[in-house]
Amino acid sequence: MAVQIKLSVRHGHLNGSHQEEVRAKAEKLLTYFNRLTMIEVTVDLKDEVRKEVEFRAKAEHKHEFVAREGHEELMAAVDMALDKVIHQIHRYKERIQDHRRNHSAGEGAGERVAEDSEE
């Protein structure tokens, strides 16, 4: 499945190389979580000193990862926002895996108690 990547710029314009660089970084999110359905990147150049970048990564089952960062350097802001999204994805995946592990561990523990009482 091809994920859709939307890049929008407010209050200014990004040159082609910056657009490609931002798109390539957004695509890297798929290596961390392949169930993403859409990635939206918004770059706000309103403030000449500080560039604001927002990532919205939408996944199956209505999960959404959102991160916003600002920095003097555009690509630094992109990297910092991307790191936040990656961190959110890792936390989400851990929560899913822990939930599955705890659920099956709970069933096993109940069976052990029954065996102990028979002895």
PDB file of N, CA and C in Angstrom:
ATOM      1  N   MET A   1       0.846  -1.186   0.000  1.00  0.00           N
ATOM      2  CA  MET A   1       0.000   0.000   0.000  1.00  0.00           C
ATOM      3  C   MET A   1       0.887   1.243   0.000  1.00  0.00           C
ATOM      4  N   ALA A   2       0.597   2.148  -0.893  1.00  0.00           N
ATOM      5  CA  ALA A   2       1.385   3.379  -0.957  1.00  0.00           C
ATOM      6  C   ALA A   2       0.795   4.401   0.007  1.00  0.00           C
ATOM      7  N   VAL A   3       1.656   4.957   0.805  1.00  0.00           N
ATOM      8  CA  VAL A   3       1.207   5.962   1.761  1.00  0.00           C
ATOM      9  C   VAL A   3       1.238   7.325   1.068  1.00  0.00           C
ATOM     10  N   GLN A   4       0.265   8.131   1.385  1.00  0.00           N
ATOM     11  CA  GLN A   4       0.203   9.463   0.798  1.00  0.00           C
ATOM     12  C   GLN A   4       0.958  10.437   1.696  1.00  0.00           C
ATOM     13  N   ILE A   5       1.843  11.223   1.103  1.00  0.00           N
ATOM     14  CA  ILE A   5       2.592  12.224   1.865  1.00  0.00           C
ATOM     15  C   ILE A   5       2.206  13.598   1.341  1.00  0.00           C
ATOM     16  N   LYS A   6       1.628  14.414   2.225  1.00  0.00           N
ATOM     17  CA  LYS A   6       1.230  15.775   1.855  1.00  0.00           C
ATOM     18  C   LYS A   6       2.200  16.755   2.497  1.00  0.00           C
ATOM     19  N   LEU A   7       2.717  17.646   1.712  1.00  0.00           N
ATOM     20  CA  LEU A   7       3.629  18.673   2.218  1.00  0.00           C
ATOM     21  C   LEU A   7       3.013  20.021   1.914  1.00  0.00           C
ATOM     22  N   SER A   8       2.758  20.809   2.943  1.00  0.00           N
ATOM     23  CA  SER A   8       2.212  22.141   2.711  1.00  0.00           C
ATOM     24  C   SER A   8       3.091  23.172   3.413  1.00  0.00           C
ATOM     25  N   VAL A   9       3.166  24.342   2.811  1.00  0.00           N
ATOM     26  CA  VAL A   9       4.009  25.413   3.331  1.00  0.00           C
ATOM     27  C   VAL A   9       3.147  26.653   3.524  1.00  0.00           C
ATOM     28  N   ARG A  10       3.238  27.223   4.694  1.00  0.00           N
ATOM     29  CA  ARG A  10       2.512  28.464   4.992  1.00  0.00           C
ATOM     30  C   ARG A  10       3.498  29.623   5.024  1.00  0.00           C
ATOM     31  N   HIS A  11       3.051  30.767   4.547  1.00  0.00           N
ATOM     32  CA  HIS A  11       3.811  32.022   4.631  1.00  0.00           C
ATOM     33  C   HIS A  11       5.182  31.948   3.957  1.00  0.00           C
ATOM     34  N   GLY A  12       5.256  31.295   2.835  1.00  0.00           N
ATOM     35  CA  GLY A  12       6.538  31.246   2.147  1.00  0.00           C
ATOM     36  C   GLY A  12       6.586  30.123   1.140  1.00  0.00           C
ATOM     37  N   HIS A  13       7.796  29.790   0.723  1.00  0.00           N
ATOM     38  CA  HIS A  13       7.987  28.763  -0.302  1.00  0.00           C
ATOM     39  C   HIS A  13       9.243  27.960   0.031  1.00  0.00           C
ATOM     40  N   LEU A  14       9.183  26.643  -0.200  1.00  0.00           N
ATOM     41  CA  LEU A  14      10.358  25.784  -0.043  1.00  0.00           C
ATOM     42  C   LEU A  14      10.902  25.462  -1.425  1.00  0.00           C
ATOM     43  N   ASN A  15      12.214  25.526  -1.569  1.00  0.00           N
ATOM     44  CA  ASN A  15      12.787  25.155  -2.863  1.00  0.00           C
ATOM     45  C   ASN A  15      12.677  23.643  -3.058  1.00  0.00           C
ATOM     46  N   GLY A  16      12.905  23.202  -4.277  1.00  0.00           N
ATOM     47  CA  GLY A  16      12.730  21.786  -4.625  1.00  0.00           C
ATOM     48  C   GLY A  16      13.565  20.838  -3.796  1.00  0.00           C
ATOM     49  N   SER A  17      14.815  21.210  -3.517  1.00  0.00           N
ATOM     50  CA  SER A  17      15.676  20.299  -2.751  1.00  0.00           C
ATOM     51  C   SER A  17      15.184  20.156  -1.309  1.00  0.00           C
ATOM     52  N   HIS A  18      14.704  21.250  -0.717  1.00  0.00           N
ATOM     53  CA  HIS A  18      14.156  21.158   0.641  1.00  0.00           C
ATOM     54  C   HIS A  18      12.889  20.302   0.641  1.00  0.00           C
ATOM     55  N   GLN A  19      12.054  20.467  -0.378  1.00  0.00           N
ATOM     56  CA  GLN A  19      10.830  19.664  -0.455  1.00  0.00           C
ATOM     57  C   GLN A  19      11.164  18.174  -0.535  1.00  0.00           C
ATOM     58  N   GLU A  20      12.123  17.822  -1.370  1.00  0.00           N
ATOM     59  CA  GLU A  20      12.511  16.419  -1.518  1.00  0.00           C
ATOM     60  C   GLU A  20      13.105  15.869  -0.224  1.00  0.00           C
ATOM     61  N   GLU A  21      13.902  16.692   0.448  1.00  0.00           N
ATOM     62  CA  GLU A  21      14.529  16.264   1.704  1.00  0.00           C
ATOM     63  C   GLU A  21      13.473  15.999   2.781  1.00  0.00           C
ATOM     64  N   VAL A  22      12.503  16.905   2.882  1.00  0.00           N
ATOM     65  CA  VAL A  22      11.427  16.742   3.870  1.00  0.00           C
ATOM     66  C   VAL A  22      10.608  15.492   3.539  1.00  0.00           C
ATOM     67  N   ARG A  23      10.292  15.296   2.263  1.00  0.00           N
ATOM     68  CA  ARG A  23       9.530  14.122   1.832  1.00  0.00           C
ATOM     69  C   ARG A  23      10.274  12.824   2.154  1.00  0.00           C
ATOM     70  N   ALA A  24      11.578  12.810   1.899  1.00  0.00           N
ATOM     71  CA  ALA A  24      12.387  11.615   2.168  1.00  0.00           C
ATOM     72  C   ALA A  24      12.395  11.293   3.654  1.00  0.00           C
ATOM     73  N   LYS A  25      12.495  12.331   4.487  1.00  0.00           N
ATOM     74  CA  LYS A  25      12.477  12.108   5.938  1.00  0.00           C
ATOM     75  C   LYS A  25      11.117  11.589   6.382  1.00  0.00           C
ATOM     76  N   ALA A  26      10.053  12.119   5.803  1.00  0.00           N
ATOM     77  CA  ALA A  26       8.704  11.657   6.148  1.00  0.00           C
ATOM     78  C   ALA A  26       8.534  10.181   5.777  1.00  0.00           C
ATOM     79  N   GLU A  27       9.075   9.786   4.622  1.00  0.00           N
ATOM     80  CA  GLU A  27       8.967   8.388   4.192  1.00  0.00           C
ATOM     81  C   GLU A  27       9.675   7.441   5.151  1.00  0.00           C
ATOM     82  N   LYS A  28      10.693   7.924   5.860  1.00  0.00           N
ATOM     83  CA  LYS A  28      11.424   7.086   6.814  1.00  0.00           C
ATOM     84  C   LYS A  28      10.517   6.592   7.941  1.00  0.00           C
ATOM     85  N   LEU A  29       9.422   7.314   8.195  1.00  0.00           N
ATOM     86  CA  LEU A  29       8.498   6.877   9.246  1.00  0.00           C
ATOM     87  C   LEU A  29       7.959   5.476   8.955  1.00  0.00           C
ATOM     88  N   LEU A  30       7.876   5.118   7.680  1.00  0.00           N
ATOM     89  CA  LEU A  30       7.356   3.802   7.311  1.00  0.00           C
ATOM     90  C   LEU A  30       8.271   2.676   7.770  1.00  0.00           C
ATOM     91  N   THR A  31       9.554   2.968   7.982  1.00  0.00           N
ATOM     92  CA  THR A  31      10.457   1.925   8.478  1.00  0.00           C
ATOM     93  C   THR A  31      10.173   1.628   9.944  1.00  0.00           C
ATOM     94  N   TYR A  32       9.584   2.588  10.647  1.00  0.00           N
ATOM     95  CA  TYR A  32       9.254   2.395  12.061  1.00  0.00           C
ATOM     96  C   TYR A  32       7.855   1.818  12.248  1.00  0.00           C
ATOM     97  N   PHE A  33       6.953   2.166  11.330  1.00  0.00           N
ATOM     98  CA  PHE A  33       5.568   1.712  11.460  1.00  0.00           C
ATOM     99  C   PHE A  33       4.963   1.660  10.063  1.00  0.00           C
ATOM    100  N   ASN A  34       4.753   0.451   9.544  1.00  0.00           N
ATOM    101  CA  ASN A  34       4.310   0.317   8.155  1.00  0.00           C
ATOM    102  C   ASN A  34       2.793   0.412   7.987  1.00  0.00           C
ATOM    103  N   ARG A  35       2.065   0.678   9.048  1.00  0.00           N
ATOM    104  CA  ARG A  35       0.606   0.786   8.948  1.00  0.00           C
ATOM    105  C   ARG A  35       0.139   2.238   8.845  1.00  0.00           C
ATOM    106  N   LEU A  36       1.032   3.122   8.474  1.00  0.00           N
ATOM    107  CA  LEU A  36       0.651   4.517   8.286  1.00  0.00           C
ATOM    108  C   LEU A  36      -0.111   4.640   6.971  1.00  0.00           C
ATOM    109  N   THR A  37      -1.179   5.417   6.989  1.00  0.00           N
ATOM    110  CA  THR A  37      -1.982   5.603   5.783  1.00  0.00           C
ATOM    111  C   THR A  37      -1.743   6.974   5.158  1.00  0.00           C
ATOM    112  N   MET A  38      -1.349   7.952   5.971  1.00  0.00           N
ATOM    113  CA  MET A  38      -1.075   9.282   5.448  1.00  0.00           C
ATOM    114  C   MET A  38      -0.097  10.005   6.361  1.00  0.00           C
ATOM    115  N   ILE A  39       0.793  10.773   5.751  1.00  0.00           N
ATOM    116  CA  ILE A  39       1.729  11.609   6.511  1.00  0.00           C
ATOM    117  C   ILE A  39       1.568  13.030   5.981  1.00  0.00           C
ATOM    118  N   GLU A  40       1.223  13.935   6.879  1.00  0.00           N
ATOM    119  CA  GLU A  40       1.087  15.347   6.505  1.00  0.00           C
ATOM    120  C   GLU A  40       2.188  16.127   7.198  1.00  0.00           C
ATOM    121  N   VAL A  41       2.912  16.912   6.413  1.00  0.00           N
ATOM    122  CA  VAL A  41       3.963  17.762   6.963  1.00  0.00           C
ATOM    123  C   VAL A  41       3.602  19.199   6.627  1.00  0.00           C
ATOM    124  N   THR A  42       3.529  20.042   7.651  1.00  0.00           N
ATOM    125  CA  THR A  42       3.244  21.453   7.448  1.00  0.00           C
ATOM    126  C   THR A  42       4.447  22.255   7.914  1.00  0.00           C
ATOM    127  N   VAL A  43       4.944  23.099   7.033  1.00  0.00           N
ATOM    128  CA  VAL A  43       6.077  23.967   7.348  1.00  0.00           C
ATOM    129  C   VAL A  43       5.549  25.389   7.380  1.00  0.00           C
ATOM    130  N   ASP A  44       5.772  26.089   8.495  1.00  0.00           N
ATOM    131  CA  ASP A  44       5.312  27.468   8.640  1.00  0.00           C
ATOM    132  C   ASP A  44       6.520  28.394   8.685  1.00  0.00           C
ATOM    133  N   LEU A  45       6.600  29.271   7.698  1.00  0.00           N
ATOM    134  CA  LEU A  45       7.735  30.194   7.595  1.00  0.00           C
ATOM    135  C   LEU A  45       7.329  31.617   7.972  1.00  0.00           C
ATOM    136  N   LYS A  46       6.273  31.757   8.763  1.00  0.00           N
ATOM    137  CA  LYS A  46       5.765  33.070   9.140  1.00  0.00           C
ATOM    138  C   LYS A  46       6.834  33.893   9.850  1.00  0.00           C
ATOM    139  N   ASP A  47       7.516  33.267  10.793  1.00  0.00           N
ATOM    140  CA  ASP A  47       8.561  33.941  11.558  1.00  0.00           C
ATOM    141  C   ASP A  47       9.892  33.721  10.834  1.00  0.00           C
ATOM    142  N   GLU A  48      10.564  34.786  10.466  1.00  0.00           N
ATOM    143  CA  GLU A  48      11.818  34.653   9.718  1.00  0.00           C
ATOM    144  C   GLU A  48      12.915  33.989  10.537  1.00  0.00           C
ATOM    145  N   VAL A  49      12.871  34.149  11.856  1.00  0.00           N
ATOM    146  CA  VAL A  49      13.915  33.586  12.715  1.00  0.00           C
ATOM    147  C   VAL A  49      13.652  32.120  13.029  1.00  0.00           C
ATOM    148  N   ARG A  50      12.393  31.785  13.294  1.00  0.00           N
ATOM    149  CA  ARG A  50      12.052  30.432  13.761  1.00  0.00           C
ATOM    150  C   ARG A  50      11.107  29.762  12.776  1.00  0.00           C
ATOM    151  N   LYS A  51      11.525  28.616  12.242  1.00  0.00           N
ATOM    152  CA  LYS A  51      10.684  27.838  11.336  1.00  0.00           C
ATOM    153  C   LYS A  51       9.921  26.790  12.149  1.00  0.00           C
ATOM    154  N   GLU A  52       8.617  26.700  11.921  1.00  0.00           N
ATOM    155  CA  GLU A  52       7.784  25.729  12.626  1.00  0.00           C
ATOM    156  C   GLU A  52       7.456  24.567  11.686  1.00  0.00           C
ATOM    157  N   VAL A  53       7.572  23.358  12.202  1.00  0.00           N
ATOM    158  CA  VAL A  53       7.269  22.163  11.413  1.00  0.00           C
ATOM    159  C   VAL A  53       6.319  21.281  12.212  1.00  0.00           C
ATOM    160  N   GLU A  54       5.287  20.782  11.542  1.00  0.00           N
ATOM    161  CA  GLU A  54       4.351  19.870  12.192  1.00  0.00           C
ATOM    162  C   GLU A  54       4.230  18.597  11.358  1.00  0.00           C
ATOM    163  N   PHE A  55       4.331  17.459  12.022  1.00  0.00           N
ATOM    164  CA  PHE A  55       4.112  16.157  11.395  1.00  0.00           C
ATOM    165  C   PHE A  55       2.807  15.588  11.926  1.00  0.00           C
ATOM    166  N   ARG A  56       1.977  15.093  11.036  1.00  0.00           N
ATOM    167  CA  ARG A  56       0.770  14.343  11.398  1.00  0.00           C
ATOM    168  C   ARG A  56       0.835  13.036  10.642  1.00  0.00           C
ATOM    169  N   ALA A  57       1.000  11.955  11.367  1.00  0.00           N
ATOM    170  CA  ALA A  57       1.062  10.637  10.739  1.00  0.00           C
ATOM    171  C   ALA A  57      -0.189   9.877  11.157  1.00  0.00           C
ATOM    172  N   LYS A  58      -1.016   9.562  10.181  1.00  0.00           N
ATOM    173  CA  LYS A  58      -2.262   8.846  10.458  1.00  0.00           C
ATOM    174  C   LYS A  58      -2.059   7.370  10.152  1.00  0.00           C
ATOM    175  N   ALA A  59      -2.564   6.541  11.060  1.00  0.00           N
ATOM    176  CA  ALA A  59      -2.412   5.092  10.911  1.00  0.00           C
ATOM    177  C   ALA A  59      -3.781   4.428  10.874  1.00  0.00           C
ATOM    178  N   GLU A  60      -3.759   3.126  10.589  1.00  0.00           N
ATOM    179  CA  GLU A  60      -4.996   2.341  10.609  1.00  0.00           C
ATOM    180  C   GLU A  60      -5.655   2.458  11.980  1.00  0.00           C
ATOM    181  N   HIS A  61      -6.933   2.211  12.027  1.00  0.00           N
ATOM    182  CA  HIS A  61      -7.704   2.209  13.274  1.00  0.00           C
ATOM    183  C   HIS A  61      -7.711   3.578  13.944  1.00  0.00           C
ATOM    184  N   LYS A  62      -7.654   4.623  13.145  1.00  0.00           N
ATOM    185  CA  LYS A  62      -7.814   6.012  13.595  1.00  0.00           C
ATOM    186  C   LYS A  62      -6.768   6.464  14.611  1.00  0.00           C
ATOM    187  N   HIS A  63      -5.580   5.891  14.576  1.00  0.00           N
ATOM    188  CA  HIS A  63      -4.501   6.378  15.430  1.00  0.00           C
ATOM    189  C   HIS A  63      -3.786   7.495  14.683  1.00  0.00           C
ATOM    190  N   GLU A  64      -3.399   8.527  15.439  1.00  0.00           N
ATOM    191  CA  GLU A  64      -2.711   9.657  14.827  1.00  0.00           C
ATOM    192  C   GLU A  64      -1.551  10.075  15.720  1.00  0.00           C
ATOM    193  N   PHE A  65      -0.411  10.281  15.097  1.00  0.00           N
ATOM    194  CA  PHE A  65       0.785  10.735  15.802  1.00  0.00           C
ATOM    195  C   PHE A  65       1.056  12.160  15.346  1.00  0.00           C
ATOM    196  N   VAL A  66       1.168  13.090  16.299  1.00  0.00           N
ATOM    197  CA  VAL A  66       1.342  14.498  15.964  1.00  0.00           C
ATOM    198  C   VAL A  66       2.525  15.059  16.735  1.00  0.00           C
ATOM    199  N   ALA A  67       3.372  15.798  16.026  1.00  0.00           N
ATOM    200  CA  ALA A  67       4.510  16.453  16.682  1.00  0.00           C
ATOM    201  C   ALA A  67       4.749  17.795  16.014  1.00  0.00           C
ATOM    202  N   ARG A  68       5.069  18.784  16.839  1.00  0.00           N
ATOM    203  CA  ARG A  68       5.310  20.143  16.364  1.00  0.00           C
ATOM    204  C   ARG A  68       6.625  20.620  16.949  1.00  0.00           C
ATOM    205  N   GLU A  69       7.460  21.213  16.129  1.00  0.00           N
ATOM    206  CA  GLU A  69       8.748  21.737  16.610  1.00  0.00           C
ATOM    207  C   GLU A  69       9.109  23.002  15.854  1.00  0.00           C
ATOM    208  N   GLY A  70       9.919  23.820  16.482  1.00  0.00           N
ATOM    209  CA  GLY A  70      10.402  25.033  15.839  1.00  0.00           C
ATOM    210  C   GLY A  70      11.897  25.184  16.054  1.00  0.00           C
ATOM    211  N   HIS A  71      12.564  25.784  15.075  1.00  0.00           N
ATOM    212  CA  HIS A  71      14.010  25.993  15.165  1.00  0.00           C
ATOM    213  C   HIS A  71      14.405  27.037  14.128  1.00  0.00           C
ATOM    214  N   GLU A  72      15.580  27.637  14.314  1.00  0.00           N
ATOM    215  CA  GLU A  72      16.084  28.613  13.337  1.00  0.00           C
ATOM    216  C   GLU A  72      16.337  27.942  11.992  1.00  0.00           C
ATOM    217  N   GLU A  73      16.890  26.725  12.037  1.00  0.00           N
ATOM    218  CA  GLU A  73      17.189  25.976  10.821  1.00  0.00           C
ATOM    219  C   GLU A  73      16.015  25.073  10.474  1.00  0.00           C
ATOM    220  N   LEU A  74      15.578  25.121   9.236  1.00  0.00           N
ATOM    221  CA  LEU A  74      14.427  24.332   8.800  1.00  0.00           C
ATOM    222  C   LEU A  74      14.635  22.840   9.032  1.00  0.00           C
ATOM    223  N   MET A  75      15.759  22.302   8.581  1.00  0.00           N
ATOM    224  CA  MET A  75      15.959  20.853   8.681  1.00  0.00           C
ATOM    225  C   MET A  75      16.145  20.401  10.127  1.00  0.00           C
ATOM    226  N   ALA A  76      16.643  21.270  10.974  1.00  0.00           N
ATOM    227  CA  ALA A  76      16.734  20.931  12.400  1.00  0.00           C
ATOM    228  C   ALA A  76      15.327  20.795  12.982  1.00  0.00           C
ATOM    229  N   ALA A  77      14.431  21.705  12.604  1.00  0.00           N
ATOM    230  CA  ALA A  77      13.042  21.628  13.069  1.00  0.00           C
ATOM    231  C   ALA A  77      12.383  20.355  12.544  1.00  0.00           C
ATOM    232  N   VAL A  78      12.655  20.002  11.287  1.00  0.00           N
ATOM    233  CA  VAL A  78      12.103  18.777  10.699  1.00  0.00           C
ATOM    234  C   VAL A  78      12.608  17.560  11.480  1.00  0.00           C
ATOM    235  N   ASP A  79      13.913  17.517  11.730  1.00  0.00           N
ATOM    236  CA  ASP A  79      14.496  16.374  12.452  1.00  0.00           C
ATOM    237  C   ASP A  79      13.930  16.243  13.863  1.00  0.00           C
ATOM    238  N   MET A  80      13.779  17.371  14.563  1.00  0.00           N
ATOM    239  CA  MET A  80      13.266  17.320  15.940  1.00  0.00           C
ATOM    240  C   MET A  80      11.807  16.855  15.964  1.00  0.00           C
ATOM    241  N   ALA A  81      10.992  17.347  15.030  1.00  0.00           N
ATOM    242  CA  ALA A  81       9.592  16.921  14.970  1.00  0.00           C
ATOM    243  C   ALA A  81       9.506  15.440  14.586  1.00  0.00           C
ATOM    244  N   LEU A  82      10.354  15.028  13.662  1.00  0.00           N
ATOM    245  CA  LEU A  82      10.384  13.627  13.242  1.00  0.00           C
ATOM    246  C   LEU A  82      10.764  12.719  14.408  1.00  0.00           C
ATOM    247  N   ASP A  83      11.750  13.132  15.191  1.00  0.00           N
ATOM    248  CA  ASP A  83      12.151  12.351  16.363  1.00  0.00           C
ATOM    249  C   ASP A  83      10.998  12.180  17.341  1.00  0.00           C
ATOM    250  N   LYS A  84      10.203  13.229  17.516  1.00  0.00           N
ATOM    251  CA  LYS A  84       9.051  13.145  18.423  1.00  0.00           C
ATOM    252  C   LYS A  84       8.029  12.126  17.914  1.00  0.00           C
ATOM    253  N   VAL A  85       7.769  12.151  16.612  1.00  0.00           N
ATOM    254  CA  VAL A  85       6.807  11.206  16.045  1.00  0.00           C
ATOM    255  C   VAL A  85       7.327   9.775  16.201  1.00  0.00           C
ATOM    256  N   ILE A  86       8.611   9.578  15.920  1.00  0.00           N
ATOM    257  CA  ILE A  86       9.212   8.243  16.063  1.00  0.00           C
ATOM    258  C   ILE A  86       9.077   7.762  17.506  1.00  0.00           C
ATOM    259  N   HIS A  87       9.307   8.652  18.455  1.00  0.00           N
ATOM    260  CA  HIS A  87       9.174   8.304  19.874  1.00  0.00           C
ATOM    261  C   HIS A  87       7.730   7.900  20.186  1.00  0.00           C
ATOM    262  N   GLN A  88       6.761   8.646  19.647  1.00  0.00           N
ATOM    263  CA  GLN A  88       5.352   8.310  19.866  1.00  0.00           C
ATOM    264  C   GLN A  88       5.018   6.943  19.278  1.00  0.00           C
ATOM    265  N   ILE A  89       5.559   6.655  18.099  1.00  0.00           N
ATOM    266  CA  ILE A  89       5.313   5.364  17.456  1.00  0.00           C
ATOM    267  C   ILE A  89       5.896   4.228  18.304  1.00  0.00           C
ATOM    268  N   HIS A  90       7.123   4.434  18.805  1.00  0.00           N
ATOM    269  CA  HIS A  90       7.745   3.404  19.655  1.00  0.00           C
ATOM    270  C   HIS A  90       6.905   3.149  20.905  1.00  0.00           C
ATOM    271  N   ARG A  91       6.432   4.231  21.545  1.00  0.00           N
ATOM    272  CA  ARG A  91       5.599   4.079  22.745  1.00  0.00           C
ATOM    273  C   ARG A  91       4.308   3.328  22.420  1.00  0.00           C
ATOM    274  N   TYR A  92       3.705   3.679  21.302  1.00  0.00           N
ATOM    275  CA  TYR A  92       2.462   3.029  20.874  1.00  0.00           C
ATOM    276  C   TYR A  92       2.684   1.533  20.645  1.00  0.00           C
ATOM    277  N   LYS A  93       3.765   1.190  19.938  1.00  0.00           N
ATOM    278  CA  LYS A  93       4.057  -0.209  19.649  1.00  0.00           C
ATOM    279  C   LYS A  93       4.368  -0.983  20.929  1.00  0.00           C
ATOM    280  N   GLU A  94       5.082  -0.362  21.856  1.00  0.00           N
ATOM    281  CA  GLU A  94       5.363  -1.012  23.146  1.00  0.00           C
ATOM    282  C   GLU A  94       4.076  -1.286  23.900  1.00  0.00           C
ATOM    283  N   ARG A  95       3.171  -0.307  23.887  1.00  0.00           N
ATOM    284  CA  ARG A  95       1.902  -0.453  24.596  1.00  0.00           C
ATOM    285  C   ARG A  95       1.110  -1.616  24.009  1.00  0.00           C
ATOM    286  N   ILE A  96       1.089  -1.727  22.693  1.00  0.00           N
ATOM    287  CA  ILE A  96       0.374  -2.838  22.053  1.00  0.00           C
ATOM    288  C   ILE A  96       1.022  -4.167  22.441  1.00  0.00           C
ATOM    289  N   GLN A  97       2.349  -4.244  22.356  1.00  0.00           N
ATOM    290  CA  GLN A  97       3.046  -5.488  22.673  1.00  0.00           C
ATOM    291  C   GLN A  97       2.895  -5.845  24.148  1.00  0.00           C
ATOM    292  N   ASP A  98       2.986  -4.875  25.043  1.00  0.00           N
ATOM    293  CA  ASP A  98       2.807  -5.137  26.476  1.00  0.00           C
ATOM    294  C   ASP A  98       1.397  -5.630  26.752  1.00  0.00           C
ATOM    295  N   HIS A  99       0.418  -5.030  26.089  1.00  0.00           N
ATOM    296  CA  HIS A  99      -0.968  -5.432  26.291  1.00  0.00           C
ATOM    297  C   HIS A  99      -1.154  -6.898  25.898  1.00  0.00           C
ATOM    298  N   ARG A 100      -0.585  -7.274  24.771  1.00  0.00           N
ATOM    299  CA  ARG A 100      -0.703  -8.672  24.326  1.00  0.00           C
ATOM    300  C   ARG A 100       0.028  -9.602  25.278  1.00  0.00           C
ATOM    301  N   ARG A 101       1.217  -9.209  25.720  1.00  0.00           N
ATOM    302  CA  ARG A 101       2.021 -10.047  26.603  1.00  0.00           C
ATOM    303  C   ARG A 101       1.329 -10.211  27.958  1.00  0.00           C
ATOM    304  N   ASN A 102       0.823  -9.127  28.529  1.00  0.00           N
ATOM    305  CA  ASN A 102       0.161  -9.194  29.834  1.00  0.00           C
ATOM    306  C   ASN A 102      -1.108 -10.027  29.758  1.00  0.00           C
ATOM    307  N   HIS A 103      -1.816  -9.935  28.660  1.00  0.00           N
ATOM    308  CA  HIS A 103      -3.060 -10.686  28.516  1.00  0.00           C
ATOM    309  C   HIS A 103      -2.769 -12.193  28.529  1.00  0.00           C
ATOM    310  N   SER A 104      -1.787 -12.623  27.768  1.00  0.00           N
ATOM    311  CA  SER A 104      -1.485 -14.058  27.718  1.00  0.00           C
ATOM    312  C   SER A 104      -0.808 -14.517  29.011  1.00  0.00           C
ATOM    313  N   ALA A 105      -0.015 -13.655  29.639  1.00  0.00           N
ATOM    314  CA  ALA A 105       0.639 -14.012  30.897  1.00  0.00           C
ATOM    315  C   ALA A 105      -0.409 -14.199  31.997  1.00  0.00           C
ATOM    316  N   GLY A 106      -1.444 -13.389  31.964  1.00  0.00           N
ATOM    317  CA  GLY A 106      -2.501 -13.492  32.971  1.00  0.00           C
ATOM    318  C   GLY A 106      -3.221 -14.819  32.878  1.00  0.00           C
ATOM    319  N   GLU A 107      -3.449 -15.292  31.664  1.00  0.00           N
ATOM    320  CA  GLU A 107      -4.133 -16.578  31.502  1.00  0.00           C
ATOM    321  C   GLU A 107      -3.256 -17.708  32.017  1.00  0.00           C
ATOM    322  N   GLY A 108      -1.957 -17.639  31.721  1.00  0.00           N
ATOM    323  CA  GLY A 108      -1.031 -18.675  32.168  1.00  0.00           C
ATOM    324  C   GLY A 108      -0.930 -18.711  33.686  1.00  0.00           C
ATOM    325  N   ALA A 109      -0.964 -17.567  34.320  1.00  0.00           N
ATOM    326  CA  ALA A 109      -0.856 -17.501  35.773  1.00  0.00           C
ATOM    327  C   ALA A 109      -2.076 -18.161  36.420  1.00  0.00           C
ATOM    328  N   GLY A 110      -3.254 -17.959  35.838  1.00  0.00           N
ATOM    329  CA  GLY A 110      -4.469 -18.559  36.377  1.00  0.00           C
ATOM    330  C   GLY A 110      -4.409 -20.080  36.304  1.00  0.00           C
ATOM    331  N   GLU A 111      -3.838 -20.602  35.242  1.00  0.00           N
ATOM    332  CA  GLU A 111      -3.731 -22.048  35.090  1.00  0.00           C
ATOM    333  C   GLU A 111      -2.776 -22.635  36.118  1.00  0.00           C
ATOM    334  N   ARG A 112      -1.680 -21.922  36.404  1.00  0.00           N
ATOM    335  CA  ARG A 112      -0.701 -22.409  37.383  1.00  0.00           C
ATOM    336  C   ARG A 112      -1.321 -22.493  38.772  1.00  0.00           C
ATOM    337  N   VAL A 113      -2.151 -21.541  39.118  1.00  0.00           N
ATOM    338  CA  VAL A 113      -2.783 -21.550  40.427  1.00  0.00           C
ATOM    339  C   VAL A 113      -3.676 -22.787  40.561  1.00  0.00           C
ATOM    340  N   ALA A 114      -4.398 -23.100  39.499  1.00  0.00           N
ATOM    341  CA  ALA A 114      -5.269 -24.273  39.536  1.00  0.00           C
ATOM    342  C   ALA A 114      -4.461 -25.560  39.716  1.00  0.00           C
ATOM    343  N   GLU A 115      -3.305 -25.640  39.051  1.00  0.00           N
ATOM    344  CA  GLU A 115      -2.472 -26.823  39.185  1.00  0.00           C
ATOM    345  C   GLU A 115      -1.919 -26.950  40.593  1.00  0.00           C
ATOM    346  N   ASP A 116      -1.518 -25.815  41.186  1.00  0.00           N
ATOM    347  CA  ASP A 116      -0.946 -25.848  42.545  1.00  0.00           C
ATOM    348  C   ASP A 116      -1.985 -26.320  43.556  1.00  0.00           C
ATOM    349  N   SER A 117      -3.224 -25.932  43.399  1.00  0.00           N
ATOM    350  CA  SER A 117      -4.242 -26.297  44.391  1.00  0.00           C
ATOM    351  C   SER A 117      -4.580 -27.785  44.324  1.00  0.00           C
ATOM    352  N   GLU A 118      -4.317 -28.456  43.187  1.00  0.00           N
ATOM    353  CA  GLU A 118      -4.611 -29.868  43.079  1.00  0.00           C
ATOM    354  C   GLU A 118      -3.627 -30.714  43.870  1.00  0.00           C
ATOM    355  N   GLU A 119      -2.427 -30.258  44.077  1.00  0.00           N
ATOM    356  CA  GLU A 119      -1.388 -31.051  44.739  1.00  0.00           C
ATOM    357  C   GLU A 119      -1.633 -31.232  46.170  1.00  0.00           C
TER     358      GLU A 119
END
